[in-house]
């Protein structure tokens, strides 16, 4: 999956862990979140 590309195209983003939604929110805000960037975008 390309999380960065998906979040750029989406209005909202969701993070799931073991079938449970652990984070959700505005896709742009998720792209700008340092924790999301480090954990899911490899930065």
C-alpha atoms as a PDB file:
ATOM      1  CA  UNK A   1       0.000   0.000   0.000  1.00  0.00           C
ATOM      2  CA  UNK A   2       1.056   3.555  -0.603  1.00  0.00           C
ATOM      3  CA  UNK A   3      -0.255   5.352   2.480  1.00  0.00           C
ATOM      4  CA  UNK A   4       1.071   8.738   1.365  1.00  0.00           C
ATOM      5  CA  UNK A   5      -0.687   8.540  -2.020  1.00  0.00           C
ATOM      6  CA  UNK A   6      -3.891   7.267  -0.424  1.00  0.00           C
ATOM      7  CA  UNK A   7      -3.956  10.105   2.121  1.00  0.00           C
ATOM      8  CA  UNK A   8      -3.281  12.659  -0.628  1.00  0.00           C
ATOM      9  CA  UNK A   9      -6.341  11.409  -2.533  1.00  0.00           C
ATOM     10  CA  UNK A  10      -8.606  10.975   0.506  1.00  0.00           C
ATOM     11  CA  UNK A  11     -10.642  13.328   2.657  1.00  0.00           C
ATOM     12  CA  UNK A  12     -10.266  11.145   5.768  1.00  0.00           C
ATOM     13  CA  UNK A  13      -7.767   8.563   6.941  1.00  0.00           C
ATOM     14  CA  UNK A  14      -8.041   5.563   9.234  1.00  0.00           C
ATOM     15  CA  UNK A  15      -5.328   3.485  10.913  1.00  0.00           C
ATOM     16  CA  UNK A  16      -6.226  -0.054  11.934  1.00  0.00           C
ATOM     17  CA  UNK A  17      -4.313  -2.421  14.189  1.00  0.00           C
ATOM     18  CA  UNK A  18      -5.501  -6.018  14.551  1.00  0.00           C
ATOM     19  CA  UNK A  19      -8.924  -5.093  13.182  1.00  0.00           C
ATOM     20  CA  UNK A  20      -9.425  -2.114  15.492  1.00  0.00           C
ATOM     21  CA  UNK A  21      -9.421   1.508  14.347  1.00  0.00           C
ATOM     22  CA  UNK A  22      -6.666   3.145  16.400  1.00  0.00           C
ATOM     23  CA  UNK A  23      -6.628   6.535  14.684  1.00  0.00           C
ATOM     24  CA  UNK A  24      -8.909   8.453  12.362  1.00  0.00           C
ATOM     25  CA  UNK A  25      -9.087  11.972  11.111  1.00  0.00           C
ATOM     26  CA  UNK A  26      -8.670  14.479   8.340  1.00  0.00           C
ATOM     27  CA  UNK A  27      -6.264  13.053   5.743  1.00  0.00           C
ATOM     28  CA  UNK A  28      -4.303  16.309   5.414  1.00  0.00           C
ATOM     29  CA  UNK A  29      -3.838  16.512   9.188  1.00  0.00           C
ATOM     30  CA  UNK A  30      -2.704  12.890   9.276  1.00  0.00           C
ATOM     31  CA  UNK A  31      -0.112  13.607   6.567  1.00  0.00           C
ATOM     32  CA  UNK A  32       1.194  16.506   8.648  1.00  0.00           C
ATOM     33  CA  UNK A  33       1.247  14.581  11.963  1.00  0.00           C
ATOM     34  CA  UNK A  34       4.869  13.719  12.935  1.00  0.00           C
ATOM     35  CA  UNK A  35       3.772  10.511  14.694  1.00  0.00           C
ATOM     36  CA  UNK A  36       1.889   9.282  11.616  1.00  0.00           C
ATOM     37  CA  UNK A  37       4.787  10.247   9.358  1.00  0.00           C
ATOM     38  CA  UNK A  38       7.293   8.348  11.503  1.00  0.00           C
ATOM     39  CA  UNK A  39       5.180   5.242  12.067  1.00  0.00           C
ATOM     40  CA  UNK A  40       3.468   4.802   8.702  1.00  0.00           C
ATOM     41  CA  UNK A  41       5.300   6.874   6.103  1.00  0.00           C
ATOM     42  CA  UNK A  42       8.860   5.904   6.979  1.00  0.00           C
ATOM     43  CA  UNK A  43      10.039   9.387   7.910  1.00  0.00           C
END
